[in-house]
Amino acid sequence: MTQNIVQQKISMVFKSAIDKKSIFKNKRVLDISYIPDNILHRDSELYEISKILSVSLKNERPSNVFVYGPTGTGKTLVVDYVCNELLSVARENKLSVHYVYVNAKLKRIADTEYRLVSHIANELGEHIPFTGLPTDVVYSRFLNKVESLNGVLIIVIDEIDYLVNKIGDRFLYTLTRINQDLYNTKVSIIGISNNLNFTEYLDARVRSSLSEEEVVFSPYNAIQLRDILEDRSKKAFYEGVVENSVINKCAAIAAQENGDARKALDLLRVSAEIAERNNEYKVKEYHVDLAQKKIDYDRFIEVVKTLAQHQKLTLFAVLDLLLSKDVGFKVHTGDVYDKYVSLCNRIKKTPITQRRISDIINELDILGIINAKIKNLGRYGRTREVSLANSKDVYEKIYNLLKNDLYL
């Protein structure tokens, strides 16, 4: 195919994209970050968090809150919604209530304690460079800015477990004790985590301070997910585009995977994108099958590509142990470590400690790449039972990718 023909084909694709009517009325509605006017099936959580934060309208410090539950259960959505409603009421009544949201997975935030504090300060209007100042100077400027608010400050740290894994829990100890250094402003911390066991690894003093109040989000069931998808699809698509069986299938698949609304919304959106790309104006069940394969593969591959070498070696060790076994088979941390050491020896790489490998297994679990549950062995201590979190065909592709990447 000559270059001119290729250019003509590309030009035709772009022109048809302009002329073709989209099946989407508002695609943004299917984005997980979209905040709907009506949050379905989270009434008790909305009410509970609202009650905790409501005392800030009386210039009192709300309790620190730890919000946890599986991925895609509406934790961030509910906290963000309540905090924004709180700010709206505070503004109407000329009250000094402030809210800062921190996404701990952003690299420029999660690298160091310095960057975290400077980010929060910058969000409050105190410009602090991300590098270059002594840490005590950064804290001093941060405290001065917070004190000048003369009211209540709510700091929400999303994916807080990821941040602790990166930089330790000292910053949490500092933040949960910050009110001892303030006179005019009260600070409350809301930590959001997908990891139900996260607090077990915190310093006891931090754990008691952070978990003054706890709100647990249960997974959505298939009926609840269907309601959410039906509500969003009415806003996202033109009438008659999506068959009811498509919504039911997306809800059923997501319900089987920890009740993840994010997965359900992604399935619906990608199914529609595949249909539109193929010049089809109705989304059908087979589009969902294609979307599921694409989402699983794309997500895993992108995450795996960003892993550090020892993380890749650990994941390869897990896959090497599990891919030849039956679905549901599990291995323990010690087995993974032995396999990891043999892989390091093969490529002449110095192994890291078993404790660090245990941390990496936890990180891979948090990322959703594998499942790793803590098992108590009584007087022999604790270990992790590691299993696959997705279909074998996806892992086989990842296995081959890692094999080439690591020269194994």
Protein backbone atom coordinates (compact mmCIF):
# COMPACT_ATOMS: atom_id res chain seq x y z
CA MET A 1 0.00 0.00 0.00
CA THR A 2 1.55 3.27 -1.10
CA GLN A 3 1.91 6.27 1.18
CA ASN A 4 -0.71 8.24 -0.79
CA ILE A 5 -3.33 5.52 -0.35
CA VAL A 6 -2.58 5.34 3.38
CA GLN A 7 -2.97 9.11 3.70
CA GLN A 8 -6.26 8.97 1.78
CA LYS A 9 -7.60 6.28 4.09
CA ILE A 10 -6.58 8.25 7.19
CA SER A 11 -8.20 11.37 5.76
CA MET A 12 -11.42 9.45 5.10
CA VAL A 13 -11.46 8.13 8.67
CA PHE A 14 -11.14 11.64 10.10
CA LYS A 15 -13.73 13.14 7.76
CA SER A 16 -16.24 10.40 8.51
CA ALA A 17 -15.70 11.01 12.23
CA ILE A 18 -16.84 14.61 11.73
CA ASP A 19 -19.85 13.73 9.58
CA LYS A 20 -20.99 10.61 11.48
CA LYS A 21 -23.57 11.09 14.22
CA SER A 22 -22.33 9.73 17.53
CA ILE A 23 -24.35 7.21 19.53
CA PHE A 24 -23.22 9.08 22.64
CA LYS A 25 -25.27 11.99 23.90
CA ASN A 26 -22.80 12.76 26.73
CA LYS A 27 -19.92 10.29 27.13
CA ARG A 28 -18.59 12.08 30.22
CA VAL A 29 -21.49 10.67 32.23
CA LEU A 30 -19.84 7.22 32.00
CA ASP A 31 -16.59 8.48 33.50
CA ILE A 32 -15.94 7.33 37.07
CA SER A 33 -15.02 10.92 38.05
CA TYR A 34 -18.46 12.21 37.03
CA ILE A 35 -20.51 13.26 40.06
CA PRO A 36 -24.23 12.63 39.42
CA ASP A 37 -26.96 14.73 40.99
CA ASN A 38 -28.35 11.57 42.56
CA ILE A 39 -25.96 8.99 44.04
CA LEU A 40 -27.74 5.64 44.05
CA HIS A 41 -27.54 2.97 46.76
CA ARG A 42 -25.22 4.89 49.06
CA ASP A 43 -27.78 6.69 51.26
CA SER A 44 -26.46 5.37 54.58
CA GLU A 45 -22.83 6.20 53.73
CA LEU A 46 -23.78 9.71 52.53
CA TYR A 47 -25.73 10.31 55.73
CA GLU A 48 -23.03 8.88 58.02
CA ILE A 49 -20.20 10.99 56.54
CA SER A 50 -22.44 14.07 56.49
CA LYS A 51 -23.17 13.67 60.21
CA ILE A 52 -19.46 13.35 61.02
CA LEU A 53 -18.50 16.47 59.04
CA SER A 54 -21.51 18.60 60.01
CA VAL A 55 -19.87 19.81 63.25
CA SER A 56 -17.43 21.84 61.12
CA LEU A 57 -20.34 24.24 60.48
CA LYS A 58 -20.18 25.05 64.20
CA ASN A 59 -16.42 25.66 63.93
CA GLU A 60 -15.70 22.34 65.65
CA ARG A 61 -13.20 19.74 64.48
CA PRO A 62 -14.81 16.66 62.89
CA SER A 63 -13.38 13.28 63.83
CA ASN A 64 -10.72 11.81 61.57
CA VAL A 65 -12.37 9.25 59.30
CA PHE A 66 -11.08 6.11 57.62
CA VAL A 67 -13.21 5.12 54.62
CA TYR A 68 -12.53 1.73 53.10
CA GLY A 69 -14.02 -0.88 50.79
CA PRO A 70 -13.26 -2.60 47.47
CA THR A 71 -12.45 -0.68 44.27
CA GLY A 72 -15.42 0.91 42.53
CA THR A 73 -17.79 1.00 45.50
CA GLY A 74 -18.29 4.78 45.45
CA LYS A 75 -15.95 5.84 48.26
CA THR A 76 -14.35 8.81 46.50
CA LEU A 77 -17.64 9.77 44.85
CA VAL A 78 -19.50 9.93 48.18
CA VAL A 79 -16.73 11.75 50.08
CA ASP A 80 -16.30 14.30 47.29
CA TYR A 81 -20.06 14.86 47.03
CA VAL A 82 -20.48 15.37 50.79
CA CYS A 83 -17.47 17.71 51.05
CA ASN A 84 -18.67 19.86 48.15
CA GLU A 85 -22.17 20.06 49.64
CA LEU A 86 -20.59 21.04 52.96
CA LEU A 87 -18.58 23.82 51.28
CA SER A 88 -21.71 25.08 49.53
CA VAL A 89 -23.59 25.39 52.84
CA ALA A 90 -20.54 26.99 54.50
CA ARG A 91 -20.28 29.62 51.73
CA GLU A 92 -23.98 30.44 51.96
CA ASN A 93 -23.59 31.05 55.68
CA LYS A 94 -20.21 32.81 55.38
CA LEU A 95 -18.42 30.14 57.41
CA SER A 96 -14.71 29.31 57.11
CA VAL A 97 -14.70 25.66 56.04
CA HIS A 98 -12.07 24.40 53.57
CA TYR A 99 -11.54 21.13 51.72
CA VAL A 100 -8.41 19.74 50.03
CA TYR A 101 -8.44 16.52 48.00
CA VAL A 102 -5.20 14.57 47.49
CA ASN A 103 -4.93 11.73 44.98
CA ALA A 104 -2.00 9.80 46.42
CA LYS A 105 -1.31 7.90 43.20
CA LEU A 106 -0.15 11.02 41.39
CA LYS A 107 3.64 10.67 41.18
CA ARG A 108 4.41 14.28 41.94
CA ILE A 109 2.56 13.90 45.26
CA ALA A 110 3.42 10.40 46.47
CA ASP A 111 7.20 10.52 46.05
CA THR A 112 8.06 12.14 49.39
CA GLU A 113 6.55 13.62 52.53
CA TYR A 114 7.93 17.00 51.37
CA ARG A 115 5.93 16.84 48.12
CA LEU A 116 2.74 15.82 49.90
CA VAL A 117 2.87 18.75 52.31
CA SER A 118 3.85 21.22 49.58
CA HIS A 119 0.95 19.98 47.42
CA ILE A 120 -1.59 20.55 50.21
CA ALA A 121 -0.10 23.99 50.90
CA ASN A 122 -0.29 24.91 47.21
CA GLU A 123 -3.93 23.81 47.10
CA LEU A 124 -4.57 26.24 49.94
CA GLY A 125 -2.86 29.09 48.07
CA GLU A 126 0.58 28.97 49.71
CA HIS A 127 3.07 28.47 46.89
CA ILE A 128 5.84 26.07 47.92
CA PRO A 129 8.18 24.59 45.29
CA PHE A 130 8.14 20.78 44.98
CA THR A 131 11.87 20.66 45.78
CA GLY A 132 14.60 22.85 47.22
CA LEU A 133 13.52 23.82 50.75
CA PRO A 134 14.35 22.18 54.09
CA THR A 135 11.45 20.00 55.27
CA ASP A 136 11.05 21.97 58.51
CA VAL A 137 10.65 25.18 56.49
CA VAL A 138 7.96 23.56 54.37
CA TYR A 139 6.07 22.41 57.47
CA SER A 140 6.39 25.85 59.04
CA ARG A 141 4.94 27.60 55.98
CA PHE A 142 2.23 24.95 55.71
CA LEU A 143 1.24 25.39 59.38
CA ASN A 144 1.20 29.19 59.05
CA LYS A 145 -1.10 28.93 56.04
CA VAL A 146 -3.45 26.50 57.78
CA GLU A 147 -3.54 28.70 60.88
CA SER A 148 -4.49 31.72 58.76
CA LEU A 149 -7.65 29.95 57.55
CA ASN A 150 -9.20 30.56 60.96
CA GLY A 151 -11.78 27.83 60.59
CA VAL A 152 -11.95 24.13 59.73
CA LEU A 153 -9.82 22.32 57.14
CA ILE A 154 -10.75 18.85 55.85
CA ILE A 155 -7.91 16.97 54.10
CA VAL A 156 -9.00 13.96 52.04
CA ILE A 157 -6.21 11.53 51.08
CA ASP A 158 -7.41 9.07 48.46
CA GLU A 159 -5.45 5.80 48.00
CA ILE A 160 -3.83 6.50 51.37
CA ASP A 161 -2.48 2.94 51.55
CA TYR A 162 -0.49 3.54 48.35
CA LEU A 163 1.07 6.65 49.90
CA VAL A 164 2.04 4.82 53.10
CA ASN A 165 3.64 2.03 51.05
CA LYS A 166 5.73 4.66 49.25
CA ILE A 167 6.83 6.99 52.02
CA GLY A 168 5.89 5.32 55.32
CA ASP A 169 3.35 6.44 57.94
CA ARG A 170 5.31 9.24 59.63
CA PHE A 171 3.43 11.88 57.64
CA LEU A 172 0.14 10.45 58.97
CA TYR A 173 1.38 10.73 62.52
CA THR A 174 2.27 14.38 61.86
CA LEU A 175 -1.07 15.19 60.21
CA THR A 176 -3.19 13.46 62.84
CA ARG A 177 -1.36 15.42 65.57
CA ILE A 178 -1.36 18.74 63.73
CA ASN A 179 -4.12 20.25 65.86
CA GLN A 180 -1.75 20.36 68.83
CA ASP A 181 0.21 23.06 66.98
CA LEU A 182 -2.81 25.11 65.89
CA TYR A 183 -4.95 27.68 67.73
CA ASN A 184 -7.29 29.22 65.18
CA THR A 185 -7.89 26.32 62.76
CA LYS A 186 -9.02 22.72 63.24
CA VAL A 187 -7.87 19.99 60.85
CA SER A 188 -9.65 16.73 60.08
CA ILE A 189 -8.20 13.89 57.98
CA ILE A 190 -10.26 11.55 55.79
CA GLY A 191 -8.31 8.56 54.49
CA ILE A 192 -9.73 6.47 51.65
CA SER A 193 -8.40 2.99 50.92
CA ASN A 194 -9.29 -0.12 48.90
CA ASN A 195 -7.27 -2.27 51.29
CA LEU A 196 -9.36 -3.46 54.24
CA ASN A 197 -6.21 -4.64 56.07
CA PHE A 198 -4.32 -1.39 55.58
CA THR A 199 -4.54 -0.13 59.17
CA GLU A 200 -2.95 -3.35 60.50
CA TYR A 201 0.43 -2.12 59.22
CA LEU A 202 0.22 1.36 60.75
CA ASP A 203 1.93 2.49 63.92
CA ALA A 204 -0.52 1.94 66.80
CA ARG A 205 -0.63 5.68 67.59
CA VAL A 206 -1.43 6.54 63.97
CA ARG A 207 -4.05 3.80 63.76
CA SER A 208 -5.92 5.05 66.83
CA SER A 209 -5.87 8.66 65.58
CA LEU A 210 -6.82 7.98 61.96
CA SER A 211 -9.62 5.55 62.75
CA GLU A 212 -11.60 7.74 65.15
CA GLU A 213 -14.53 6.98 62.83
CA GLU A 214 -14.72 4.25 60.19
CA VAL A 215 -17.12 3.98 57.25
CA VAL A 216 -17.17 0.71 55.33
CA PHE A 217 -18.43 0.53 51.75
CA SER A 218 -19.81 -2.86 50.72
CA PRO A 219 -19.62 -4.04 47.10
CA TYR A 220 -22.61 -3.26 44.88
CA ASN A 221 -24.77 -6.23 43.91
CA ALA A 222 -25.97 -6.89 40.34
CA ILE A 223 -29.34 -5.16 40.88
CA GLN A 224 -27.70 -2.03 42.30
CA LEU A 225 -25.19 -1.93 39.44
CA ARG A 226 -27.99 -2.29 36.92
CA ASP A 227 -29.78 0.70 38.50
CA ILE A 228 -26.59 2.77 38.30
CA LEU A 229 -26.00 1.83 34.64
CA GLU A 230 -29.62 2.50 33.68
CA ASP A 231 -29.46 5.92 35.31
CA ARG A 232 -26.18 6.84 33.59
CA SER A 233 -27.15 5.37 30.19
CA LYS A 234 -30.23 7.62 29.97
CA LYS A 235 -27.91 10.63 30.15
CA ALA A 236 -25.05 9.11 28.13
CA PHE A 237 -26.86 7.69 25.06
CA TYR A 238 -29.61 8.57 22.66
CA GLU A 239 -32.80 6.59 23.12
CA GLY A 240 -32.79 3.03 21.80
CA VAL A 241 -29.00 2.74 21.43
CA VAL A 242 -28.34 0.32 24.31
CA GLU A 243 -30.26 -2.93 24.67
CA ASN A 244 -31.45 -3.88 28.18
CA SER A 245 -29.53 -7.14 27.93
CA VAL A 246 -26.30 -5.14 27.56
CA ILE A 247 -26.89 -3.28 30.83
CA ASN A 248 -27.80 -6.54 32.57
CA LYS A 249 -24.64 -8.23 31.30
CA CYS A 250 -22.33 -5.35 32.29
CA ALA A 251 -23.90 -5.33 35.76
CA ALA A 252 -23.60 -9.12 36.15
CA ILE A 253 -19.92 -9.19 35.12
CA ALA A 254 -19.01 -6.34 37.48
CA ALA A 255 -21.00 -7.91 40.33
CA GLN A 256 -18.90 -11.06 39.99
CA GLU A 257 -15.74 -8.93 40.25
CA ASN A 258 -16.23 -7.43 43.73
CA GLY A 259 -19.25 -5.31 42.79
CA ASP A 260 -17.09 -2.75 41.00
CA ALA A 261 -19.17 0.11 39.53
CA ARG A 262 -16.06 1.42 37.79
CA LYS A 263 -15.75 -1.87 35.89
CA ALA A 264 -19.47 -1.77 34.99
CA LEU A 265 -19.23 1.78 33.64
CA ASP A 266 -16.04 1.02 31.71
CA LEU A 267 -17.65 -2.06 30.15
CA LEU A 268 -20.66 -0.07 29.00
CA ARG A 269 -18.56 2.79 27.63
CA VAL A 270 -16.04 0.59 25.79
CA SER A 271 -18.83 -1.63 24.41
CA ALA A 272 -20.43 1.47 22.89
CA GLU A 273 -17.08 2.72 21.57
CA ILE A 274 -16.51 -0.62 19.82
CA ALA A 275 -19.99 -0.52 18.27
CA GLU A 276 -19.53 3.07 17.09
CA ARG A 277 -16.08 2.32 15.67
CA ASN A 278 -17.64 -0.49 13.61
CA ASN A 279 -20.39 1.83 12.32
CA GLU A 280 -23.06 0.03 14.34
CA TYR A 281 -25.77 2.10 15.96
CA LYS A 282 -26.95 -0.39 18.58
CA VAL A 283 -24.86 -1.76 21.44
CA LYS A 284 -25.33 -5.52 21.76
CA GLU A 285 -24.14 -8.27 24.09
CA TYR A 286 -21.27 -9.39 21.88
CA HIS A 287 -19.85 -5.87 22.12
CA VAL A 288 -19.63 -6.41 25.89
CA ASP A 289 -17.59 -9.60 25.36
CA LEU A 290 -15.17 -7.69 23.14
CA ALA A 291 -15.01 -4.81 25.62
CA GLN A 292 -14.23 -7.11 28.55
CA LYS A 293 -11.24 -8.64 26.80
CA LYS A 294 -9.95 -5.22 25.73
CA ILE A 295 -10.33 -3.64 29.19
CA ASP A 296 -8.70 -6.50 31.07
CA TYR A 297 -5.79 -6.73 28.69
CA ASP A 298 -5.19 -2.97 28.32
CA ARG A 299 -5.36 -2.29 32.06
CA PHE A 300 -3.05 -5.11 33.02
CA ILE A 301 -0.51 -4.40 30.31
CA GLU A 302 -0.30 -0.70 31.11
CA VAL A 303 0.18 -1.36 34.82
CA VAL A 304 2.74 -4.13 34.28
CA LYS A 305 4.80 -1.92 31.96
CA THR A 306 5.25 0.65 34.75
CA LEU A 307 6.47 -1.86 37.37
CA ALA A 308 10.04 -1.73 38.67
CA GLN A 309 12.34 -4.69 37.94
CA HIS A 310 11.92 -6.46 41.29
CA GLN A 311 8.15 -6.03 41.04
CA LYS A 312 8.25 -7.62 37.58
CA LEU A 313 10.40 -10.48 38.88
CA THR A 314 7.97 -11.05 41.76
CA LEU A 315 4.98 -11.06 39.42
CA PHE A 316 6.76 -13.43 37.03
CA ALA A 317 7.49 -15.76 39.96
CA VAL A 318 3.79 -15.74 40.92
CA LEU A 319 2.69 -16.47 37.34
CA ASP A 320 5.31 -19.19 36.93
CA LEU A 321 3.93 -20.93 40.02
CA LEU A 322 0.22 -20.48 39.27
CA LEU A 323 -0.37 -20.65 35.52
CA SER A 324 0.09 -24.42 35.37
CA LYS A 325 -2.35 -24.96 38.27
CA ASP A 326 -6.14 -25.11 38.47
CA VAL A 327 -8.18 -21.91 38.81
CA GLY A 328 -8.38 -20.94 42.49
CA PHE A 329 -5.04 -22.54 43.40
CA LYS A 330 -2.99 -20.47 45.85
CA VAL A 331 0.68 -20.18 46.78
CA HIS A 332 2.27 -18.66 49.86
CA THR A 333 4.77 -15.82 50.19
CA GLY A 334 7.62 -18.25 50.95
CA ASP A 335 7.00 -20.15 47.70
CA VAL A 336 7.00 -16.91 45.73
CA TYR A 337 10.22 -15.78 47.40
CA ASP A 338 12.03 -19.06 46.61
CA LYS A 339 11.01 -18.79 42.97
CA TYR A 340 11.96 -15.09 42.90
CA VAL A 341 15.48 -15.87 44.25
CA SER A 342 16.00 -18.54 41.58
CA LEU A 343 14.97 -16.04 38.90
CA CYS A 344 17.41 -13.45 40.28
CA ASN A 345 20.20 -16.02 40.20
CA ARG A 346 19.35 -16.87 36.61
CA ILE A 347 19.73 -13.25 35.44
CA LYS A 348 22.56 -12.49 37.93
CA LYS A 349 20.49 -9.97 39.92
CA THR A 350 20.99 -9.52 43.69
CA PRO A 351 17.75 -10.57 45.46
CA ILE A 352 16.05 -8.26 47.94
CA THR A 353 14.71 -9.46 51.32
CA GLN A 354 11.66 -11.65 51.81
CA ARG A 355 10.03 -8.85 53.81
CA ARG A 356 10.34 -6.51 50.83
CA ILE A 357 8.92 -9.19 48.51
CA SER A 358 5.97 -9.46 50.90
CA ASP A 359 5.49 -5.67 50.53
CA ILE A 360 5.65 -6.00 46.73
CA ILE A 361 3.02 -8.76 46.79
CA ASN A 362 0.83 -6.37 48.80
CA GLU A 363 1.44 -3.61 46.23
CA LEU A 364 0.50 -5.94 43.35
CA ASP A 365 -2.67 -6.84 45.24
CA ILE A 366 -3.55 -3.16 45.72
CA LEU A 367 -3.02 -2.58 41.99
CA GLY A 368 -5.47 -5.42 41.29
CA ILE A 369 -2.92 -7.51 39.41
CA ILE A 370 -3.12 -10.47 41.80
CA ASN A 371 -5.12 -11.46 44.87
CA ALA A 372 -3.16 -11.68 48.14
CA LYS A 373 -4.98 -12.43 51.38
CA ILE A 374 -3.35 -12.63 54.79
CA LYS A 375 -3.56 -16.04 56.44
CA ASN A 376 -2.85 -16.50 60.14
CA LEU A 377 -0.65 -19.55 60.82
CA GLY A 378 -0.97 -19.31 64.59
CA ARG A 379 2.36 -19.62 66.38
CA TYR A 380 4.10 -19.80 62.98
CA GLY A 381 3.12 -16.21 62.22
CA ARG A 382 1.28 -14.92 59.15
CA THR A 383 1.68 -15.35 55.43
CA ARG A 384 -0.13 -14.28 52.28
CA GLU A 385 -2.10 -16.62 50.08
CA VAL A 386 -1.53 -15.48 46.50
CA SER A 387 -3.90 -16.29 43.63
CA LEU A 388 -4.75 -14.96 40.18
CA ALA A 389 -7.24 -12.11 39.95
CA ASN A 390 -8.25 -12.47 36.30
CA SER A 391 -8.54 -14.87 33.37
CA LYS A 392 -5.60 -17.12 32.50
CA ASP A 393 -5.35 -15.94 28.88
CA VAL A 394 -4.58 -12.38 30.06
CA TYR A 395 -1.91 -13.67 32.45
CA GLU A 396 -0.36 -15.84 29.77
CA LYS A 397 0.16 -12.74 27.62
CA ILE A 398 1.66 -10.89 30.59
CA TYR A 399 3.88 -13.90 31.35
CA ASN A 400 5.32 -13.82 27.82
CA LEU A 401 5.72 -10.03 27.96
CA LEU A 402 7.68 -10.28 31.24
CA LYS A 403 9.72 -13.23 29.97
CA ASN A 404 11.00 -11.13 27.07
CA ASP A 405 11.40 -7.98 29.15
CA LEU A 406 13.44 -9.72 31.86
CA TYR A 407 15.44 -11.89 29.42
CA LEU A 408 14.32 -15.09 31.15
